[in-house]
Amino acid sequence: MNCKNVKDVNMATVWFLMALIALPGVPAISYKGYYAYHTQEQCEEQRVSLENFIVDQEFSKGHNTFYVETYCLEMQAFEDQLKKYREEEKRGIELGAQNLGA
């Protein structure tokens, strides 16, 4: 979907890593976004690490039966968002996402 209000704004493509989790007896699928990458390849490389992280988390919660699937979704981001991200990353500030070795 495109928004005509952003036609004169510089946008950049990012790849957003997202996980979907299904648990028996729960009426909805859980979802969570984890991190944005500059290339699809970087994002794809992290999918298995994220799935393993979620499996460990669910087991620690006592959930022995569940289904996890991850996706790399292409998304447009504003340049100022990426600039702010790079500044925070250089200073070593936690960016609100699990560090998956990216």
PDB file of N, CA and C in Angstrom:
ATOM      1  N   MET A   1       0.841  -1.163   0.000  1.00  0.00           N
ATOM      2  CA  MET A   1       0.000   0.000   0.000  1.00  0.00           C
ATOM      3  C   MET A   1       0.894   1.236   0.000  1.00  0.00           C
ATOM      4  N   ASN A   2       0.576   2.188  -0.816  1.00  0.00           N
ATOM      5  CA  ASN A   2       1.313   3.440  -0.875  1.00  0.00           C
ATOM      6  C   ASN A   2       0.453   4.559  -0.319  1.00  0.00           C
ATOM      7  N   CYS A   3       1.094   5.516   0.270  1.00  0.00           N
ATOM      8  CA  CYS A   3       0.390   6.673   0.797  1.00  0.00           C
ATOM      9  C   CYS A   3       0.824   7.874  -0.018  1.00  0.00           C
ATOM     10  N   LYS A   4      -0.114   8.591  -0.599  1.00  0.00           N
ATOM     11  CA  LYS A   4       0.255   9.692  -1.477  1.00  0.00           C
ATOM     12  C   LYS A   4       0.878  10.862  -0.729  1.00  0.00           C
ATOM     13  N   ASN A   5       0.736  10.928   0.587  1.00  0.00           N
ATOM     14  CA  ASN A   5       1.321  12.019   1.351  1.00  0.00           C
ATOM     15  C   ASN A   5       2.834  11.904   1.475  1.00  0.00           C
ATOM     16  N   VAL A   6       3.411  10.773   1.160  1.00  0.00           N
ATOM     17  CA  VAL A   6       4.847  10.590   1.299  1.00  0.00           C
ATOM     18  C   VAL A   6       5.581  10.603  -0.042  1.00  0.00           C
ATOM     19  N   LYS A   7       4.927  11.018  -1.095  1.00  0.00           N
ATOM     20  CA  LYS A   7       5.546  10.942  -2.422  1.00  0.00           C
ATOM     21  C   LYS A   7       6.793  11.818  -2.551  1.00  0.00           C
ATOM     22  N   ASP A   8       6.908  12.889  -1.771  1.00  0.00           N
ATOM     23  CA  ASP A   8       8.063  13.763  -1.854  1.00  0.00           C
ATOM     24  C   ASP A   8       9.082  13.515  -0.746  1.00  0.00           C
ATOM     25  N   VAL A   9       8.905  12.429  -0.011  1.00  0.00           N
ATOM     26  CA  VAL A   9       9.793  12.102   1.103  1.00  0.00           C
ATOM     27  C   VAL A   9      10.685  10.942   0.690  1.00  0.00           C
ATOM     28  N   ASN A  10      11.969  11.016   1.079  1.00  0.00           N
ATOM     29  CA  ASN A  10      12.890   9.914   0.787  1.00  0.00           C
ATOM     30  C   ASN A  10      12.560   8.720   1.671  1.00  0.00           C
ATOM     31  N   MET A  11      12.378   7.595   1.021  1.00  0.00           N
ATOM     32  CA  MET A  11      12.074   6.355   1.732  1.00  0.00           C
ATOM     33  C   MET A  11      13.178   5.345   1.425  1.00  0.00           C
ATOM     34  N   ALA A  12      13.335   4.385   2.332  1.00  0.00           N
ATOM     35  CA  ALA A  12      14.316   3.315   2.143  1.00  0.00           C
ATOM     36  C   ALA A  12      13.633   1.982   2.402  1.00  0.00           C
ATOM     37  N   THR A  13      14.049   0.970   1.668  1.00  0.00           N
ATOM     38  CA  THR A  13      13.504  -0.365   1.868  1.00  0.00           C
ATOM     39  C   THR A  13      14.244  -1.049   3.001  1.00  0.00           C
ATOM     40  N   VAL A  14      13.490  -1.649   3.908  1.00  0.00           N
ATOM     41  CA  VAL A  14      14.050  -2.480   4.976  1.00  0.00           C
ATOM     42  C   VAL A  14      13.321  -3.819   4.954  1.00  0.00           C
ATOM     43  N   TRP A  15      13.907  -4.795   5.600  1.00  0.00           N
ATOM     44  CA  TRP A  15      13.304  -6.121   5.716  1.00  0.00           C
ATOM     45  C   TRP A  15      13.047  -6.373   7.188  1.00  0.00           C
ATOM     46  N   PHE A  16      11.783  -6.519   7.533  1.00  0.00           N
ATOM     47  CA  PHE A  16      11.347  -6.618   8.916  1.00  0.00           C
ATOM     48  C   PHE A  16      11.125  -8.076   9.282  1.00  0.00           C
ATOM     49  N   LEU A  17      11.806  -8.532  10.339  1.00  0.00           N
ATOM     50  CA  LEU A  17      11.697  -9.920  10.792  1.00  0.00           C
ATOM     51  C   LEU A  17      10.535 -10.051  11.771  1.00  0.00           C
ATOM     52  N   MET A  18       9.604 -10.912  11.425  1.00  0.00           N
ATOM     53  CA  MET A  18       8.384 -11.066  12.201  1.00  0.00           C
ATOM     54  C   MET A  18       8.139 -12.546  12.483  1.00  0.00           C
ATOM     55  N   ALA A  19       7.577 -12.830  13.664  1.00  0.00           N
ATOM     56  CA  ALA A  19       7.269 -14.207  14.047  1.00  0.00           C
ATOM     57  C   ALA A  19       5.788 -14.345  14.359  1.00  0.00           C
ATOM     58  N   LEU A  20       5.217 -15.469  13.955  1.00  0.00           N
ATOM     59  CA  LEU A  20       3.843 -15.845  14.288  1.00  0.00           C
ATOM     60  C   LEU A  20       3.918 -17.108  15.138  1.00  0.00           C
ATOM     61  N   ILE A  21       3.128 -17.142  16.212  1.00  0.00           N
ATOM     62  CA  ILE A  21       3.157 -18.278  17.137  1.00  0.00           C
ATOM     63  C   ILE A  21       1.731 -18.741  17.396  1.00  0.00           C
ATOM     64  N   ALA A  22       1.476 -20.024  17.180  1.00  0.00           N
ATOM     65  CA  ALA A  22       0.166 -20.616  17.461  1.00  0.00           C
ATOM     66  C   ALA A  22       0.309 -21.563  18.644  1.00  0.00           C
ATOM     67  N   LEU A  23      -0.596 -21.417  19.606  1.00  0.00           N
ATOM     68  CA  LEU A  23      -0.630 -22.284  20.787  1.00  0.00           C
ATOM     69  C   LEU A  23      -1.992 -22.956  20.853  1.00  0.00           C
ATOM     70  N   PRO A  24      -2.046 -24.246  21.204  1.00  0.00           N
ATOM     71  CA  PRO A  24      -3.345 -24.912  21.317  1.00  0.00           C
ATOM     72  C   PRO A  24      -4.171 -24.278  22.436  1.00  0.00           C
ATOM     73  N   GLY A  25      -5.468 -24.166  22.184  1.00  0.00           N
ATOM     74  CA  GLY A  25      -6.377 -23.627  23.192  1.00  0.00           C
ATOM     75  C   GLY A  25      -6.395 -22.115  23.280  1.00  0.00           C
ATOM     76  N   VAL A  26      -5.576 -21.442  22.488  1.00  0.00           N
ATOM     77  CA  VAL A  26      -5.557 -19.978  22.463  1.00  0.00           C
ATOM     78  C   VAL A  26      -6.312 -19.530  21.212  1.00  0.00           C
ATOM     79  N   PRO A  27      -7.291 -18.625  21.355  1.00  0.00           N
ATOM     80  CA  PRO A  27      -8.147 -18.288  20.216  1.00  0.00           C
ATOM     81  C   PRO A  27      -7.501 -17.426  19.141  1.00  0.00           C
ATOM     82  N   ALA A  28      -6.296 -16.913  19.365  1.00  0.00           N
ATOM     83  CA  ALA A  28      -5.667 -16.047  18.373  1.00  0.00           C
ATOM     84  C   ALA A  28      -4.204 -16.441  18.181  1.00  0.00           C
ATOM     85  N   ILE A  29      -3.685 -16.137  17.011  1.00  0.00           N
ATOM     86  CA  ILE A  29      -2.266 -16.341  16.742  1.00  0.00           C
ATOM     87  C   ILE A  29      -1.517 -15.130  17.284  1.00  0.00           C
ATOM     88  N   SER A  30      -0.444 -15.391  18.019  1.00  0.00           N
ATOM     89  CA  SER A  30       0.387 -14.304  18.535  1.00  0.00           C
ATOM     90  C   SER A  30       1.373 -13.883  17.458  1.00  0.00           C
ATOM     91  N   TYR A  31       1.713 -12.610  17.459  1.00  0.00           N
ATOM     92  CA  TYR A  31       2.710 -12.137  16.511  1.00  0.00           C
ATOM     93  C   TYR A  31       3.583 -11.088  17.180  1.00  0.00           C
ATOM     94  N   LYS A  32       4.824 -11.009  16.693  1.00  0.00           N
ATOM     95  CA  LYS A  32       5.741 -10.016  17.225  1.00  0.00           C
ATOM     96  C   LYS A  32       6.794  -9.698  16.178  1.00  0.00           C
ATOM     97  N   GLY A  33       7.094  -8.423  16.063  1.00  0.00           N
ATOM     98  CA  GLY A  33       8.175  -7.979  15.190  1.00  0.00           C
ATOM     99  C   GLY A  33       9.445  -7.863  16.004  1.00  0.00           C
ATOM    100  N   TYR A  34      10.583  -8.210  15.397  1.00  0.00           N
ATOM    101  CA  TYR A  34      11.830  -8.253  16.147  1.00  0.00           C
ATOM    102  C   TYR A  34      12.887  -7.273  15.682  1.00  0.00           C
ATOM    103  N   TYR A  35      13.064  -7.083  14.399  1.00  0.00           N
ATOM    104  CA  TYR A  35      14.213  -6.315  13.956  1.00  0.00           C
ATOM    105  C   TYR A  35      14.029  -5.971  12.486  1.00  0.00           C
ATOM    106  N   ALA A  36      14.641  -4.880  12.054  1.00  0.00           N
ATOM    107  CA  ALA A  36      14.629  -4.508  10.637  1.00  0.00           C
ATOM    108  C   ALA A  36      16.060  -4.589  10.104  1.00  0.00           C
ATOM    109  N   TYR A  37      16.190  -5.148   8.925  1.00  0.00           N
ATOM    110  CA  TYR A  37      17.495  -5.316   8.293  1.00  0.00           C
ATOM    111  C   TYR A  37      17.527  -4.545   6.983  1.00  0.00           C
ATOM    112  N   HIS A  38      18.739  -4.217   6.546  1.00  0.00           N
ATOM    113  CA  HIS A  38      18.888  -3.447   5.316  1.00  0.00           C
ATOM    114  C   HIS A  38      18.746  -4.295   4.058  1.00  0.00           C
ATOM    115  N   THR A  39      18.980  -5.608   4.183  1.00  0.00           N
ATOM    116  CA  THR A  39      18.834  -6.482   3.018  1.00  0.00           C
ATOM    117  C   THR A  39      17.997  -7.707   3.385  1.00  0.00           C
ATOM    118  N   GLN A  40      17.393  -8.283   2.372  1.00  0.00           N
ATOM    119  CA  GLN A  40      16.612  -9.498   2.585  1.00  0.00           C
ATOM    120  C   GLN A  40      17.521 -10.631   3.061  1.00  0.00           C
ATOM    121  N   GLU A  41      18.736 -10.698   2.533  1.00  0.00           N
ATOM    122  CA  GLU A  41      19.666 -11.753   2.915  1.00  0.00           C
ATOM    123  C   GLU A  41      20.000 -11.681   4.406  1.00  0.00           C
ATOM    124  N   GLN A  42      20.255 -10.469   4.929  1.00  0.00           N
ATOM    125  CA  GLN A  42      20.542 -10.321   6.357  1.00  0.00           C
ATOM    126  C   GLN A  42      19.361 -10.810   7.192  1.00  0.00           C
ATOM    127  N   CYS A  43      18.167 -10.465   6.770  1.00  0.00           N
ATOM    128  CA  CYS A  43      16.967 -10.870   7.489  1.00  0.00           C
ATOM    129  C   CYS A  43      16.799 -12.382   7.450  1.00  0.00           C
ATOM    130  N   GLU A  44      16.928 -12.966   6.277  1.00  0.00           N
ATOM    131  CA  GLU A  44      16.755 -14.415   6.125  1.00  0.00           C
ATOM    132  C   GLU A  44      17.759 -15.193   6.971  1.00  0.00           C
ATOM    133  N   GLU A  45      18.980 -14.658   7.099  1.00  0.00           N
ATOM    134  CA  GLU A  45      20.002 -15.328   7.896  1.00  0.00           C
ATOM    135  C   GLU A  45      19.614 -15.418   9.376  1.00  0.00           C
ATOM    136  N   GLN A  46      18.756 -14.537   9.839  1.00  0.00           N
ATOM    137  CA  GLN A  46      18.388 -14.487  11.256  1.00  0.00           C
ATOM    138  C   GLN A  46      17.126 -15.272  11.602  1.00  0.00           C
ATOM    139  N   ARG A  47      16.422 -15.762  10.603  1.00  0.00           N
ATOM    140  CA  ARG A  47      15.143 -16.439  10.858  1.00  0.00           C
ATOM    141  C   ARG A  47      15.303 -17.656  11.770  1.00  0.00           C
ATOM    142  N   VAL A  48      16.265 -18.521  11.507  1.00  0.00           N
ATOM    143  CA  VAL A  48      16.439 -19.730  12.310  1.00  0.00           C
ATOM    144  C   VAL A  48      16.829 -19.362  13.740  1.00  0.00           C
ATOM    145  N   SER A  49      17.703 -18.371  13.893  1.00  0.00           N
ATOM    146  CA  SER A  49      18.083 -17.926  15.235  1.00  0.00           C
ATOM    147  C   SER A  49      16.868 -17.441  16.011  1.00  0.00           C
ATOM    148  N   LEU A  50      16.000 -16.694  15.349  1.00  0.00           N
ATOM    149  CA  LEU A  50      14.788 -16.203  16.014  1.00  0.00           C
ATOM    150  C   LEU A  50      13.874 -17.363  16.382  1.00  0.00           C
ATOM    151  N   GLU A  51      13.687 -18.302  15.465  1.00  0.00           N
ATOM    152  CA  GLU A  51      12.834 -19.456  15.757  1.00  0.00           C
ATOM    153  C   GLU A  51      13.376 -20.237  16.957  1.00  0.00           C
ATOM    154  N   ASN A  52      14.687 -20.441  17.012  1.00  0.00           N
ATOM    155  CA  ASN A  52      15.294 -21.145  18.146  1.00  0.00           C
ATOM    156  C   ASN A  52      15.096 -20.365  19.441  1.00  0.00           C
ATOM    157  N   PHE A  53      15.233 -19.049  19.381  1.00  0.00           N
ATOM    158  CA  PHE A  53      15.010 -18.200  20.551  1.00  0.00           C
ATOM    159  C   PHE A  53      13.576 -18.343  21.053  1.00  0.00           C
ATOM    160  N   ILE A  54      12.609 -18.314  20.149  1.00  0.00           N
ATOM    161  CA  ILE A  54      11.197 -18.432  20.532  1.00  0.00           C
ATOM    162  C   ILE A  54      10.913 -19.805  21.121  1.00  0.00           C
ATOM    163  N   VAL A  55      11.466 -20.845  20.517  1.00  0.00           N
ATOM    164  CA  VAL A  55      11.285 -22.197  21.046  1.00  0.00           C
ATOM    165  C   VAL A  55      11.787 -22.258  22.487  1.00  0.00           C
ATOM    166  N   ASP A  56      12.976 -21.736  22.727  1.00  0.00           N
ATOM    167  CA  ASP A  56      13.518 -21.728  24.092  1.00  0.00           C
ATOM    168  C   ASP A  56      12.607 -20.959  25.047  1.00  0.00           C
ATOM    169  N   GLN A  57      12.092 -19.816  24.608  1.00  0.00           N
ATOM    170  CA  GLN A  57      11.213 -19.002  25.442  1.00  0.00           C
ATOM    171  C   GLN A  57       9.909 -19.734  25.762  1.00  0.00           C
ATOM    172  N   GLU A  58       9.325 -20.367  24.762  1.00  0.00           N
ATOM    173  CA  GLU A  58       8.052 -21.072  24.968  1.00  0.00           C
ATOM    174  C   GLU A  58       8.244 -22.279  25.891  1.00  0.00           C
ATOM    175  N   PHE A  59       9.341 -23.016  25.702  1.00  0.00           N
ATOM    176  CA  PHE A  59       9.618 -24.139  26.603  1.00  0.00           C
ATOM    177  C   PHE A  59       9.793 -23.651  28.032  1.00  0.00           C
ATOM    178  N   SER A  60      10.472 -22.516  28.206  1.00  0.00           N
ATOM    179  CA  SER A  60      10.686 -21.994  29.564  1.00  0.00           C
ATOM    180  C   SER A  60       9.380 -21.544  30.210  1.00  0.00           C
ATOM    181  N   LYS A  61       8.368 -21.241  29.395  1.00  0.00           N
ATOM    182  CA  LYS A  61       7.040 -20.877  29.910  1.00  0.00           C
ATOM    183  C   LYS A  61       6.181 -22.113  30.180  1.00  0.00           C
ATOM    184  N   GLY A  62       6.709 -23.291  29.860  1.00  0.00           N
ATOM    185  CA  GLY A  62       5.957 -24.518  30.066  1.00  0.00           C
ATOM    186  C   GLY A  62       5.079 -24.907  28.895  1.00  0.00           C
ATOM    187  N   HIS A  63       5.229 -24.234  27.762  1.00  0.00           N
ATOM    188  CA  HIS A  63       4.460 -24.576  26.563  1.00  0.00           C
ATOM    189  C   HIS A  63       5.236 -25.627  25.777  1.00  0.00           C
ATOM    190  N   ASN A  64       4.731 -26.840  25.797  1.00  0.00           N
ATOM    191  CA  ASN A  64       5.422 -27.926  25.099  1.00  0.00           C
ATOM    192  C   ASN A  64       4.895 -28.172  23.703  1.00  0.00           C
ATOM    193  N   THR A  65       3.721 -27.627  23.384  1.00  0.00           N
ATOM    194  CA  THR A  65       3.133 -27.778  22.058  1.00  0.00           C
ATOM    195  C   THR A  65       2.812 -26.395  21.509  1.00  0.00           C
ATOM    196  N   PHE A  66       3.427 -26.053  20.395  1.00  0.00           N
ATOM    197  CA  PHE A  66       3.184 -24.767  19.741  1.00  0.00           C
ATOM    198  C   PHE A  66       3.754 -24.833  18.334  1.00  0.00           C
ATOM    199  N   TYR A  67       3.412 -23.841  17.525  1.00  0.00           N
ATOM    200  CA  TYR A  67       3.902 -23.769  16.148  1.00  0.00           C
ATOM    201  C   TYR A  67       4.443 -22.363  15.918  1.00  0.00           C
ATOM    202  N   VAL A  68       5.642 -22.268  15.361  1.00  0.00           N
ATOM    203  CA  VAL A  68       6.289 -20.977  15.102  1.00  0.00           C
ATOM    204  C   VAL A  68       6.638 -20.879  13.631  1.00  0.00           C
ATOM    205  N   GLU A  69       6.376 -19.725  13.046  1.00  0.00           N
ATOM    206  CA  GLU A  69       6.804 -19.459  11.686  1.00  0.00           C
ATOM    207  C   GLU A  69       7.288 -18.017  11.621  1.00  0.00           C
ATOM    208  N   THR A  70       8.404 -17.795  10.931  1.00  0.00           N
ATOM    209  CA  THR A  70       8.955 -16.451  10.809  1.00  0.00           C
ATOM    210  C   THR A  70       8.923 -15.996   9.359  1.00  0.00           C
ATOM    211  N   TYR A  71       8.912 -14.685   9.184  1.00  0.00           N
ATOM    212  CA  TYR A  71       8.839 -14.078   7.855  1.00  0.00           C
ATOM    213  C   TYR A  71       9.724 -12.847   7.799  1.00  0.00           C
ATOM    214  N   CYS A  72      10.283 -12.585   6.644  1.00  0.00           N
ATOM    215  CA  CYS A  72      10.970 -11.335   6.372  1.00  0.00           C
ATOM    216  C   CYS A  72      10.065 -10.531   5.437  1.00  0.00           C
ATOM    217  N   LEU A  73       9.552  -9.440   5.938  1.00  0.00           N
ATOM    218  CA  LEU A  73       8.607  -8.626   5.193  1.00  0.00           C
ATOM    219  C   LEU A  73       9.270  -7.355   4.681  1.00  0.00           C
ATOM    220  N   GLU A  74       9.095  -7.093   3.401  1.00  0.00           N
ATOM    221  CA  GLU A  74       9.640  -5.869   2.822  1.00  0.00           C
ATOM    222  C   GLU A  74       8.783  -4.687   3.263  1.00  0.00           C
ATOM    223  N   MET A  75       9.455  -3.615   3.681  1.00  0.00           N
ATOM    224  CA  MET A  75       8.743  -2.445   4.204  1.00  0.00           C
ATOM    225  C   MET A  75       9.500  -1.185   3.834  1.00  0.00           C
ATOM    226  N   GLN A  76       8.780  -0.121   3.628  1.00  0.00           N
ATOM    227  CA  GLN A  76       9.400   1.179   3.405  1.00  0.00           C
ATOM    228  C   GLN A  76       9.511   1.913   4.736  1.00  0.00           C
ATOM    229  N   ALA A  77      10.673   2.490   4.989  1.00  0.00           N
ATOM    230  CA  ALA A  77      10.902   3.257   6.212  1.00  0.00           C
ATOM    231  C   ALA A  77      11.362   4.657   5.819  1.00  0.00           C
ATOM    232  N   PHE A  78      11.108   5.604   6.702  1.00  0.00           N
ATOM    233  CA  PHE A  78      11.561   6.959   6.461  1.00  0.00           C
ATOM    234  C   PHE A  78      13.054   7.059   6.727  1.00  0.00           C
ATOM    235  N   GLU A  79      13.745   7.859   5.932  1.00  0.00           N
ATOM    236  CA  GLU A  79      15.193   8.021   6.086  1.00  0.00           C
ATOM    237  C   GLU A  79      15.559   8.483   7.493  1.00  0.00           C
ATOM    238  N   ASP A  80      14.751   9.364   8.098  1.00  0.00           N
ATOM    239  CA  ASP A  80      15.094   9.839   9.441  1.00  0.00           C
ATOM    240  C   ASP A  80      14.999   8.720  10.478  1.00  0.00           C
ATOM    241  N   GLN A  81      14.144   7.737  10.250  1.00  0.00           N
ATOM    242  CA  GLN A  81      14.085   6.577  11.139  1.00  0.00           C
ATOM    243  C   GLN A  81      15.401   5.810  11.082  1.00  0.00           C
ATOM    244  N   LEU A  82      15.918   5.609   9.871  1.00  0.00           N
ATOM    245  CA  LEU A  82      17.163   4.873   9.711  1.00  0.00           C
ATOM    246  C   LEU A  82      18.340   5.662  10.274  1.00  0.00           C
ATOM    247  N   LYS A  83      18.321   6.979  10.103  1.00  0.00           N
ATOM    248  CA  LYS A  83      19.391   7.815  10.658  1.00  0.00           C
ATOM    249  C   LYS A  83      19.401   7.693  12.181  1.00  0.00           C
ATOM    250  N   LYS A  84      18.243   7.775  12.802  1.00  0.00           N
ATOM    251  CA  LYS A  84      18.139   7.654  14.260  1.00  0.00           C
ATOM    252  C   LYS A  84      18.611   6.267  14.705  1.00  0.00           C
ATOM    253  N   TYR A  85      18.215   5.242  13.980  1.00  0.00           N
ATOM    254  CA  TYR A  85      18.637   3.877  14.292  1.00  0.00           C
ATOM    255  C   TYR A  85      20.156   3.759  14.262  1.00  0.00           C
ATOM    256  N   ARG A  86      20.776   4.290  13.193  1.00  0.00           N
ATOM    257  CA  ARG A  86      22.240   4.204  13.060  1.00  0.00           C
ATOM    258  C   ARG A  86      22.948   4.933  14.199  1.00  0.00           C
ATOM    259  N   GLU A  87      22.419   6.075  14.613  1.00  0.00           N
ATOM    260  CA  GLU A  87      22.999   6.829  15.732  1.00  0.00           C
ATOM    261  C   GLU A  87      22.919   6.014  17.020  1.00  0.00           C
ATOM    262  N   GLU A  88      21.779   5.419  17.271  1.00  0.00           N
ATOM    263  CA  GLU A  88      21.601   4.610  18.483  1.00  0.00           C
ATOM    264  C   GLU A  88      22.507   3.379  18.438  1.00  0.00           C
ATOM    265  N   GLU A  89      22.600   2.770  17.263  1.00  0.00           N
ATOM    266  CA  GLU A  89      23.415   1.574  17.105  1.00  0.00           C
ATOM    267  C   GLU A  89      24.891   1.883  17.370  1.00  0.00           C
ATOM    268  N   LYS A  90      25.382   3.003  16.875  1.00  0.00           N
ATOM    269  CA  LYS A  90      26.777   3.393  17.079  1.00  0.00           C
ATOM    270  C   LYS A  90      27.076   3.621  18.553  1.00  0.00           C
ATOM    271  N   ARG A  91      26.108   4.132  19.294  1.00  0.00           N
ATOM    272  CA  ARG A  91      26.311   4.380  20.716  1.00  0.00           C
ATOM    273  C   ARG A  91      26.121   3.119  21.543  1.00  0.00           C
ATOM    274  N   GLY A  92      25.676   2.031  20.905  1.00  0.00           N
ATOM    275  CA  GLY A  92      25.515   0.765  21.614  1.00  0.00           C
ATOM    276  C   GLY A  92      24.269   0.712  22.478  1.00  0.00           C
ATOM    277  N   ILE A  93      23.261   1.502  22.135  1.00  0.00           N
ATOM    278  CA  ILE A  93      22.025   1.523  22.914  1.00  0.00           C
ATOM    279  C   ILE A  93      21.126   0.383  22.465  1.00  0.00           C
ATOM    280  N   GLU A  94      20.478  -0.256  23.441  1.00  0.00           N
ATOM    281  CA  GLU A  94      19.514  -1.315  23.136  1.00  0.00           C
ATOM    282  C   GLU A  94      18.406  -0.728  22.281  1.00  0.00           C
ATOM    283  N   LEU A  95      18.104  -1.381  21.176  1.00  0.00           N
ATOM    284  CA  LEU A  95      17.143  -0.852  20.226  1.00  0.00           C
ATOM    285  C   LEU A  95      15.762  -1.475  20.348  1.00  0.00           C
ATOM    286  N   GLY A  96      15.507  -2.126  21.470  1.00  0.00           N
ATOM    287  CA  GLY A  96      14.177  -2.674  21.692  1.00  0.00           C
ATOM    288  C   GLY A  96      13.936  -3.992  20.984  1.00  0.00           C
ATOM    289  N   ALA A  97      14.985  -4.640  20.548  1.00  0.00           N
ATOM    290  CA  ALA A  97      14.831  -5.936  19.869  1.00  0.00           C
ATOM    291  C   ALA A  97      15.855  -6.902  20.438  1.00  0.00           C
ATOM    292  N   GLN A  98      15.518  -8.154  20.381  1.00  0.00           N
ATOM    293  CA  GLN A  98      16.446  -9.188  20.807  1.00  0.00           C
ATOM    294  C   GLN A  98      17.636  -9.197  19.859  1.00  0.00           C
ATOM    295  N   ASN A  99      18.847  -9.150  20.399  1.00  0.00           N
ATOM    296  CA  ASN A  99      20.039  -9.209  19.568  1.00  0.00           C
ATOM    297  C   ASN A  99      20.234 -10.639  19.102  1.00  0.00           C
ATOM    298  N   LEU A 100      20.098 -10.847  17.815  1.00  0.00           N
ATOM    299  CA  LEU A 100      20.181 -12.193  17.254  1.00  0.00           C
ATOM    300  C   LEU A 100      21.478 -12.406  16.489  1.00  0.00           C
ATOM    301  N   GLY A 101      22.459 -11.591  16.780  1.00  0.00           N
ATOM    302  CA  GLY A 101      23.759 -11.762  16.137  1.00  0.00           C
ATOM    303  C   GLY A 101      23.888 -11.059  14.822  1.00  0.00           C
ATOM    304  N   ALA A 102      23.039 -10.083  14.568  1.00  0.00           N
ATOM    305  CA  ALA A 102      23.110  -9.351  13.300  1.00  0.00           C
ATOM    306  C   ALA A 102      24.262  -8.384  13.299  1.00  0.00           C
TER     307      ALA A 102
END
